[in-house]
C-alpha atoms as a PDB file:
ATOM      1  CA  MET A   1    -133.536  15.714   2.723  1.00  0.00           C
ATOM      2  CA  LYS A   2    -130.046  15.159   1.307  1.00  0.00           C
ATOM      3  CA  LEU A   3    -126.722  16.936   1.689  1.00  0.00           C
ATOM      4  CA  VAL A   4    -124.964  17.305  -1.656  1.00  0.00           C
ATOM      5  CA  VAL A   5    -121.196  17.829  -1.512  1.00  0.00           C
ATOM      6  CA  ALA A   6    -119.563  18.494  -4.902  1.00  0.00           C
ATOM      7  CA  ILE A   7    -115.782  18.764  -5.264  1.00  0.00           C
ATOM      8  CA  ILE A   8    -115.084  20.596  -8.501  1.00  0.00           C
ATOM      9  CA  HIS A   9    -112.355  22.441 -10.393  1.00  0.00           C
ATOM     10  CA  ASN A  10    -111.971  26.000  -9.137  1.00  0.00           C
ATOM     11  CA  GLU A  11    -112.557  27.403 -12.638  1.00  0.00           C
ATOM     12  CA  ASP A  12    -116.041  25.823 -12.731  1.00  0.00           C
ATOM     13  CA  ALA A  13    -117.154  27.044  -9.296  1.00  0.00           C
ATOM     14  CA  GLY A  14    -118.471  30.479 -10.249  1.00  0.00           C
ATOM     15  CA  ALA A  15    -120.602  29.194 -13.106  1.00  0.00           C
ATOM     16  CA  LEU A  16    -121.947  26.340 -10.971  1.00  0.00           C
ATOM     17  CA  VAL A  17    -122.945  28.592  -8.072  1.00  0.00           C
ATOM     18  CA  ASP A  18    -124.621  30.984 -10.545  1.00  0.00           C
ATOM     19  CA  GLY A  19    -126.482  28.056 -12.134  1.00  0.00           C
ATOM     20  CA  LEU A  20    -127.675  26.824  -8.735  1.00  0.00           C
ATOM     21  CA  LEU A  21    -128.787  30.301  -7.641  1.00  0.00           C
ATOM     22  CA  GLU A  22    -130.651  30.763 -10.933  1.00  0.00           C
ATOM     23  CA  LYS A  23    -132.773  27.718  -9.996  1.00  0.00           C
ATOM     24  CA  GLU A  24    -133.124  29.087  -6.428  1.00  0.00           C
ATOM     25  CA  TYR A  25    -130.831  26.581  -4.707  1.00  0.00           C
ATOM     26  CA  ARG A  26    -128.801  27.978  -1.826  1.00  0.00           C
ATOM     27  CA  ALA A  27    -125.202  26.770  -1.862  1.00  0.00           C
ATOM     28  CA  THR A  28    -122.021  27.355   0.111  1.00  0.00           C
ATOM     29  CA  ARG A  29    -118.679  27.490  -1.694  1.00  0.00           C
ATOM     30  CA  LEU A  30    -115.559  26.405   0.194  1.00  0.00           C
ATOM     31  CA  HIS A  31    -112.025  26.707  -1.146  1.00  0.00           C
ATOM     32  CA  SER A  32    -110.112  23.442  -1.052  1.00  0.00           C
ATOM     33  CA  SER A  33    -107.073  21.830  -2.619  1.00  0.00           C
ATOM     34  CA  GLY A  34    -105.832  18.358  -3.251  1.00  0.00           C
ATOM     35  CA  GLY A  35    -105.376  15.700  -5.829  1.00  0.00           C
ATOM     36  CA  PHE A  36    -102.124  14.783  -7.432  1.00  0.00           C
ATOM     37  CA  LEU A  37    -101.853  18.174  -9.175  1.00  0.00           C
ATOM     38  CA  LYS A  38    -102.088  20.058  -5.839  1.00  0.00           C
ATOM     39  CA  GLN A  39    -104.302  22.630  -7.537  1.00  0.00           C
ATOM     40  CA  SER A  40    -107.053  24.721  -6.064  1.00  0.00           C
ATOM     41  CA  ASN A  41    -110.511  23.126  -5.972  1.00  0.00           C
ATOM     42  CA  ALA A  42    -113.865  24.272  -4.741  1.00  0.00           C
ATOM     43  CA  THR A  43    -116.264  22.305  -2.586  1.00  0.00           C
ATOM     44  CA  ILE A  44    -119.926  23.216  -3.043  1.00  0.00           C
ATOM     45  CA  VAL A  45    -122.281  22.192  -0.219  1.00  0.00           C
ATOM     46  CA  LEU A  46    -126.077  22.400  -0.338  1.00  0.00           C
ATOM     47  CA  GLY A  47    -129.129  20.855   1.259  1.00  0.00           C
ATOM     48  CA  VAL A  48    -131.762  19.519  -1.147  1.00  0.00           C
ATOM     49  CA  GLU A  49    -135.115  17.802  -0.846  1.00  0.00           C
ATOM     50  CA  ASP A  50    -134.960  14.157  -1.940  1.00  0.00           C
ATOM     51  CA  ASP A  51    -137.032  14.702  -5.077  1.00  0.00           C
ATOM     52  CA  ARG A  52    -134.783  17.552  -6.297  1.00  0.00           C
ATOM     53  CA  VAL A  53    -131.427  15.744  -6.144  1.00  0.00           C
ATOM     54  CA  ASP A  54    -131.596  14.747  -9.829  1.00  0.00           C
ATOM     55  CA  ASP A  55    -132.149  18.398 -10.816  1.00  0.00           C
ATOM     56  CA  VAL A  56    -129.085  19.472  -8.815  1.00  0.00           C
ATOM     57  CA  MET A  57    -127.016  16.661 -10.357  1.00  0.00           C
ATOM     58  CA  ALA A  58    -128.047  17.855 -13.843  1.00  0.00           C
ATOM     59  CA  ILE A  59    -126.951  21.421 -13.006  1.00  0.00           C
ATOM     60  CA  ILE A  60    -123.594  20.127 -11.741  1.00  0.00           C
ATOM     61  CA  ALA A  61    -123.104  18.023 -14.886  1.00  0.00           C
ATOM     62  CA  GLU A  62    -123.952  21.021 -17.090  1.00  0.00           C
ATOM     63  CA  HIS A  63    -121.411  23.361 -15.471  1.00  0.00           C
ATOM     64  CA  CYS A  64    -118.551  21.005 -14.522  1.00  0.00           C
ATOM     65  CA  THR A  65    -117.105  19.491 -17.670  1.00  0.00           C
ATOM     66  CA  SER A  66    -113.884  17.518 -18.006  1.00  0.00           C
ATOM     67  CA  ARG A  67    -111.125  18.885 -20.206  1.00  0.00           C
ATOM     68  CA  THR A  68    -107.421  18.337 -20.797  1.00  0.00           C
ATOM     69  CA  GLN A  69    -104.675  20.605 -19.530  1.00  0.00           C
ATOM     70  CA  VAL A  70    -100.908  20.561 -19.986  1.00  0.00           C
ATOM     71  CA  VAL A  71     -98.974  20.649 -16.693  1.00  0.00           C
ATOM     72  CA  ASN A  72     -95.315  20.613 -15.780  1.00  0.00           C
ATOM     73  CA  PRO A  73     -94.720  17.941 -13.137  1.00  0.00           C
ATOM     74  CA  MET A  74     -92.561  18.716 -10.122  1.00  0.00           C
ATOM     75  CA  PRO A  75     -89.050  17.300 -10.592  1.00  0.00           C
ATOM     76  CA  PRO A  76     -88.001  14.559  -8.179  1.00  0.00           C
ATOM     77  CA  ILE A  77     -85.448  15.330  -5.477  1.00  0.00           C
ATOM     78  CA  MET A  78     -82.077  14.941  -7.132  1.00  0.00           C
ATOM     79  CA  GLU A  79     -78.571  14.431  -5.835  1.00  0.00           C
ATOM     80  CA  PRO A  80     -76.051  17.219  -6.483  1.00  0.00           C
ATOM     81  CA  GLY A  81     -74.766  17.002 -10.026  1.00  0.00           C
ATOM     82  CA  GLU A  82     -77.781  15.110 -11.382  1.00  0.00           C
ATOM     83  CA  PHE A  83     -80.009  16.739 -13.946  1.00  0.00           C
ATOM     84  CA  PHE A  84     -83.606  15.822 -14.774  1.00  0.00           C
ATOM     85  CA  MET A  85     -85.813  17.758 -17.159  1.00  0.00           C
ATOM     86  CA  PRO A  86     -89.475  16.788 -16.720  1.00  0.00           C
ATOM     87  CA  TYR A  87     -91.650  16.740 -19.809  1.00  0.00           C
ATOM     88  CA  PRO A  88     -95.039  18.478 -19.746  1.00  0.00           C
ATOM     89  CA  LEU A  89     -97.934  16.082 -19.280  1.00  0.00           C
ATOM     90  CA  GLU A  90    -101.441  16.315 -20.640  1.00  0.00           C
ATOM     91  CA  VAL A  91    -103.915  15.465 -17.881  1.00  0.00           C
ATOM     92  CA  GLU A  92    -107.697  15.502 -17.545  1.00  0.00           C
ATOM     93  CA  VAL A  93    -109.056  18.174 -15.179  1.00  0.00           C
ATOM     94  CA  GLY A  94    -112.526  19.356 -14.312  1.00  0.00           C
ATOM     95  CA  GLY A  95    -115.636  17.325 -13.881  1.00  0.00           C
ATOM     96  CA  ALA A  96    -117.016  16.748 -10.410  1.00  0.00           C
ATOM     97  CA  THR A  97    -116.886  14.297  -7.553  1.00  0.00           C
ATOM     98  CA  VAL A  98    -120.288  14.384  -5.856  1.00  0.00           C
ATOM     99  CA  PHE A  99    -121.402  12.862  -2.566  1.00  0.00           C
ATOM    100  CA  VAL A 100    -125.101  12.687  -1.689  1.00  0.00           C
ATOM    101  CA  LEU A 101    -125.646  12.061   2.018  1.00  0.00           C
ATOM    102  CA  PRO A 102    -128.821  11.557   4.041  1.00  0.00           C
ATOM    103  CA  VAL A 103    -129.732  14.320   6.505  1.00  0.00           C
ATOM    104  CA  ASP A 104    -131.442  13.388   9.757  1.00  0.00           C
ATOM    105  CA  ARG A 105    -132.178  16.938  10.824  1.00  0.00           C
ATOM    106  CA  PHE A 106    -132.084  20.378   9.239  1.00  0.00           C
ATOM    107  CA  GLU A 107    -132.721  23.747  10.886  1.00  0.00           C
ATOM    108  CA  ARG A 108    -132.217  27.261   9.585  1.00  0.00           C
ATOM    109  CA  LEU A 109    -131.519  29.502  12.598  1.00  0.00           C
END
């Protein structure tokens, strides 16, 4: 058995959980944040039999696509009288960071 931990963009979380449930995978969604954009993420956690990991990875890849987004960076701390106007940046968001970990023991109580 494996523990799959997928850190994904918050906008992709609903579709991913629906896709997993459609294939009868039980998943837990946790709200998280991080990265240099300090935006909301979702962490999806599920236990999977070894031979079904590739199926789960395909579902994640199908629902968590990368895309570009324009963001306004936070201005640096300025001294009084200084003026800095940050320009919007186009950054890539979405996709998934997935960890697959071995599980020594699993019990449903």
